[in-house]
Amino acid sequence: MPLVRIDLAADISPETAATIGDVVYNAMVSTASVPEHDKFQIISRHAKDELVYPAAGYLGIDYTPKIVFIQVTWNTGRTIEVKKAFYKAIAENIHAKTGLRKEDIWISLVEVNREDWSFGNGEMQYAPKD
């Protein structure tokens, strides 16, 4: 059920972009109980002026032009511990597999209700059962 949006610099290679997508998907499955094959992702590349972040840093974290914005929309209900494990798995594995700095991995979660999805056919697949 998650929808993942990954926004990154235009000069990031297709292989690195695919690796980032795989890391996010694997973290969802391993830490957040997302079903296998539930991989819906939108990966967008941007010119330097289209990725905006505080040049002076934020909360003690300095960013570079290689910043990666990851937004995950998923069902509400996961614990803080699950979310922390999810963030950590993504940052550590993207760094390990691509060399991108953990500091440049920026993640946002958007939580929605189960009935807020349609996976096709104009149907609410997760509709409440009567």
C-alpha atoms as a PDB file:
ATOM      1  CA  MET A   1       0.000   0.000   0.000  1.00  0.00           C
ATOM      2  CA  PRO A   2       2.832   2.522   0.227  1.00  0.00           C
ATOM      3  CA  LEU A   3       3.500   5.088  -2.461  1.00  0.00           C
ATOM      4  CA  VAL A   4       7.110   6.270  -2.497  1.00  0.00           C
ATOM      5  CA  ARG A   5       8.302   9.487  -4.094  1.00  0.00           C
ATOM      6  CA  ILE A   6      12.054   9.883  -4.485  1.00  0.00           C
ATOM      7  CA  ASP A   7      13.412  13.244  -5.615  1.00  0.00           C
ATOM      8  CA  LEU A   8      17.097  13.567  -6.411  1.00  0.00           C
ATOM      9  CA  ALA A   9      19.656  15.521  -8.400  1.00  0.00           C
ATOM     10  CA  ALA A  10      19.626  15.199 -12.186  1.00  0.00           C
ATOM     11  CA  ASP A  11      23.198  13.900 -12.218  1.00  0.00           C
ATOM     12  CA  ILE A  12      22.425  10.827 -10.075  1.00  0.00           C
ATOM     13  CA  SER A  13      22.878   7.775 -12.288  1.00  0.00           C
ATOM     14  CA  PRO A  14      19.947   5.527 -13.199  1.00  0.00           C
ATOM     15  CA  GLU A  15      21.682   2.676 -11.356  1.00  0.00           C
ATOM     16  CA  THR A  16      21.985   4.701  -8.154  1.00  0.00           C
ATOM     17  CA  ALA A  17      18.357   5.832  -8.448  1.00  0.00           C
ATOM     18  CA  ALA A  18      17.244   2.206  -8.848  1.00  0.00           C
ATOM     19  CA  THR A  19      19.357   1.169  -5.852  1.00  0.00           C
ATOM     20  CA  ILE A  20      17.743   3.882  -3.718  1.00  0.00           C
ATOM     21  CA  GLY A  21      14.305   2.617  -4.754  1.00  0.00           C
ATOM     22  CA  ASP A  22      15.274  -0.962  -3.907  1.00  0.00           C
ATOM     23  CA  VAL A  23      16.653   0.072  -0.509  1.00  0.00           C
ATOM     24  CA  VAL A  24      13.446   1.914   0.378  1.00  0.00           C
ATOM     25  CA  TYR A  25      11.314  -1.046  -0.719  1.00  0.00           C
ATOM     26  CA  ASN A  26      13.458  -3.555   1.203  1.00  0.00           C
ATOM     27  CA  ALA A  27      13.272  -1.386   4.335  1.00  0.00           C
ATOM     28  CA  MET A  28       9.481  -1.254   4.065  1.00  0.00           C
ATOM     29  CA  VAL A  29       9.265  -5.041   3.828  1.00  0.00           C
ATOM     30  CA  SER A  30      11.849  -5.801   6.532  1.00  0.00           C
ATOM     31  CA  THR A  31      10.937  -3.174   9.139  1.00  0.00           C
ATOM     32  CA  ALA A  32       7.344  -2.102   8.482  1.00  0.00           C
ATOM     33  CA  SER A  33       5.552  -5.317   7.430  1.00  0.00           C
ATOM     34  CA  VAL A  34       4.768  -4.081   3.932  1.00  0.00           C
ATOM     35  CA  PRO A  35       3.649  -7.002   1.747  1.00  0.00           C
ATOM     36  CA  GLU A  36       6.028  -8.387  -0.845  1.00  0.00           C
ATOM     37  CA  HIS A  37       5.464  -6.991  -4.374  1.00  0.00           C
ATOM     38  CA  ASP A  38       3.816  -3.831  -2.959  1.00  0.00           C
ATOM     39  CA  LYS A  39       6.298  -1.574  -4.744  1.00  0.00           C
ATOM     40  CA  PHE A  40       4.852   1.649  -6.146  1.00  0.00           C
ATOM     41  CA  GLN A  41       7.480   4.362  -6.658  1.00  0.00           C
ATOM     42  CA  ILE A  42       7.893   7.630  -8.514  1.00  0.00           C
ATOM     43  CA  ILE A  43      11.520   8.647  -9.017  1.00  0.00           C
ATOM     44  CA  SER A  44      12.127  12.187 -10.254  1.00  0.00           C
ATOM     45  CA  ARG A  45      15.373  13.927 -11.101  1.00  0.00           C
ATOM     46  CA  HIS A  46      15.731  17.673 -10.669  1.00  0.00           C
ATOM     47  CA  ALA A  47      18.004  20.530 -11.684  1.00  0.00           C
ATOM     48  CA  LYS A  48      20.119  21.991  -8.875  1.00  0.00           C
ATOM     49  CA  ASP A  49      17.760  24.922  -8.334  1.00  0.00           C
ATOM     50  CA  GLU A  50      14.785  22.579  -7.884  1.00  0.00           C
ATOM     51  CA  LEU A  51      16.077  20.824  -4.754  1.00  0.00           C
ATOM     52  CA  VAL A  52      15.859  23.446  -2.047  1.00  0.00           C
ATOM     53  CA  TYR A  53      17.356  22.899   1.410  1.00  0.00           C
ATOM     54  CA  PRO A  54      18.854  25.191   4.082  1.00  0.00           C
ATOM     55  CA  ALA A  55      22.416  26.062   3.056  1.00  0.00           C
ATOM     56  CA  ALA A  56      23.261  26.685   6.729  1.00  0.00           C
ATOM     57  CA  GLY A  57      21.981  23.225   7.654  1.00  0.00           C
ATOM     58  CA  TYR A  58      19.108  22.281   9.937  1.00  0.00           C
ATOM     59  CA  LEU A  59      19.043  20.637  13.371  1.00  0.00           C
ATOM     60  CA  GLY A  60      22.824  20.251  13.219  1.00  0.00           C
ATOM     61  CA  ILE A  61      22.781  18.483   9.852  1.00  0.00           C
ATOM     62  CA  ASP A  62      24.562  19.958   6.829  1.00  0.00           C
ATOM     63  CA  TYR A  63      23.342  19.058   3.351  1.00  0.00           C
ATOM     64  CA  THR A  64      25.008  18.853  -0.065  1.00  0.00           C
ATOM     65  CA  PRO A  65      23.630  19.078  -3.623  1.00  0.00           C
ATOM     66  CA  LYS A  66      23.369  15.248  -3.516  1.00  0.00           C
ATOM     67  CA  ILE A  67      20.429  15.464  -1.077  1.00  0.00           C
ATOM     68  CA  VAL A  68      17.764  12.794  -1.628  1.00  0.00           C
ATOM     69  CA  PHE A  69      14.181  13.552  -0.623  1.00  0.00           C
ATOM     70  CA  ILE A  70      12.104  10.454   0.120  1.00  0.00           C
ATOM     71  CA  GLN A  71       8.398  10.743   0.860  1.00  0.00           C
ATOM     72  CA  VAL A  72       6.425   7.650   1.783  1.00  0.00           C
ATOM     73  CA  THR A  73       2.640   7.618   1.937  1.00  0.00           C
ATOM     74  CA  TRP A  74       1.410   4.581   3.841  1.00  0.00           C
ATOM     75  CA  ASN A  75      -1.306   3.402   6.202  1.00  0.00           C
ATOM     76  CA  THR A  76      -1.410   4.876   9.663  1.00  0.00           C
ATOM     77  CA  GLY A  77      -0.700   2.789  12.739  1.00  0.00           C
ATOM     78  CA  ARG A  78       3.002   2.002  12.830  1.00  0.00           C
ATOM     79  CA  THR A  79       4.855   2.571  16.093  1.00  0.00           C
ATOM     80  CA  ILE A  80       7.613   5.099  16.678  1.00  0.00           C
ATOM     81  CA  GLU A  81      10.061   2.194  17.035  1.00  0.00           C
ATOM     82  CA  VAL A  82       9.101   0.843  13.596  1.00  0.00           C
ATOM     83  CA  LYS A  83       9.491   4.298  12.042  1.00  0.00           C
ATOM     84  CA  LYS A  84      12.915   4.792  13.652  1.00  0.00           C
ATOM     85  CA  ALA A  85      14.074   1.395  12.363  1.00  0.00           C
ATOM     86  CA  PHE A  86      12.715   2.280   8.929  1.00  0.00           C
ATOM     87  CA  TYR A  87      14.601   5.605   8.770  1.00  0.00           C
ATOM     88  CA  LYS A  88      17.810   3.983   9.979  1.00  0.00           C
ATOM     89  CA  ALA A  89      17.614   1.071   7.512  1.00  0.00           C
ATOM     90  CA  ILE A  90      17.134   3.464   4.601  1.00  0.00           C
ATOM     91  CA  ALA A  91      19.944   5.873   5.512  1.00  0.00           C
ATOM     92  CA  GLU A  92      22.452   3.151   6.379  1.00  0.00           C
ATOM     93  CA  ASN A  93      21.742   0.997   3.331  1.00  0.00           C
ATOM     94  CA  ILE A  94      21.678   3.852   0.830  1.00  0.00           C
ATOM     95  CA  HIS A  95      25.044   4.961   2.225  1.00  0.00           C
ATOM     96  CA  ALA A  96      26.454   1.406   2.143  1.00  0.00           C
ATOM     97  CA  LYS A  97      25.246   0.654  -1.397  1.00  0.00           C
ATOM     98  CA  THR A  98      25.744   4.036  -3.115  1.00  0.00           C
ATOM     99  CA  GLY A  99      28.221   6.019  -1.015  1.00  0.00           C
ATOM    100  CA  LEU A 100      25.740   8.878  -0.601  1.00  0.00           C
ATOM    101  CA  ARG A 101      26.032  10.568   2.785  1.00  0.00           C
ATOM    102  CA  LYS A 102      23.525   9.523   5.449  1.00  0.00           C
ATOM    103  CA  GLU A 103      23.137  13.230   6.226  1.00  0.00           C
ATOM    104  CA  ASP A 104      21.745  13.753   2.712  1.00  0.00           C
ATOM    105  CA  ILE A 105      18.951  11.181   3.110  1.00  0.00           C
ATOM    106  CA  TRP A 106      15.846  13.199   4.039  1.00  0.00           C
ATOM    107  CA  ILE A 107      12.666  11.183   4.750  1.00  0.00           C
ATOM    108  CA  SER A 108       9.051  12.192   5.314  1.00  0.00           C
ATOM    109  CA  LEU A 109       6.127   9.909   6.155  1.00  0.00           C
ATOM    110  CA  VAL A 110       2.531  10.703   5.235  1.00  0.00           C
ATOM    111  CA  GLU A 111       0.011   8.496   7.010  1.00  0.00           C
ATOM    112  CA  VAL A 112      -3.432   7.836   5.568  1.00  0.00           C
ATOM    113  CA  ASN A 113      -6.358   5.531   6.317  1.00  0.00           C
ATOM    114  CA  ARG A 114      -6.780   2.186   4.550  1.00  0.00           C
ATOM    115  CA  GLU A 115      -9.813   3.469   2.650  1.00  0.00           C
ATOM    116  CA  ASP A 116      -7.745   6.287   1.109  1.00  0.00           C
ATOM    117  CA  TRP A 117      -6.369   4.037  -1.648  1.00  0.00           C
ATOM    118  CA  SER A 118      -7.559   2.842  -5.038  1.00  0.00           C
ATOM    119  CA  PHE A 119      -5.180   0.451  -6.781  1.00  0.00           C
ATOM    120  CA  GLY A 120      -7.126   0.551 -10.035  1.00  0.00           C
ATOM    121  CA  ASN A 121     -10.553   0.037 -11.588  1.00  0.00           C
ATOM    122  CA  GLY A 122     -11.930   2.973  -9.605  1.00  0.00           C
ATOM    123  CA  GLU A 123     -12.420   0.657  -6.628  1.00  0.00           C
ATOM    124  CA  MET A 124     -11.641   0.997  -2.940  1.00  0.00           C
ATOM    125  CA  GLN A 125      -9.839  -2.315  -2.465  1.00  0.00           C
ATOM    126  CA  TYR A 126      -9.402  -1.788   1.274  1.00  0.00           C
ATOM    127  CA  ALA A 127     -13.030  -0.744   1.825  1.00  0.00           C
ATOM    128  CA  PRO A 128     -14.432  -1.479   5.283  1.00  0.00           C
ATOM    129  CA  LYS A 129     -16.326  -4.749   5.342  1.00  0.00           C
ATOM    130  CA  ASP A 130     -20.042  -4.410   6.080  1.00  0.00           C
END
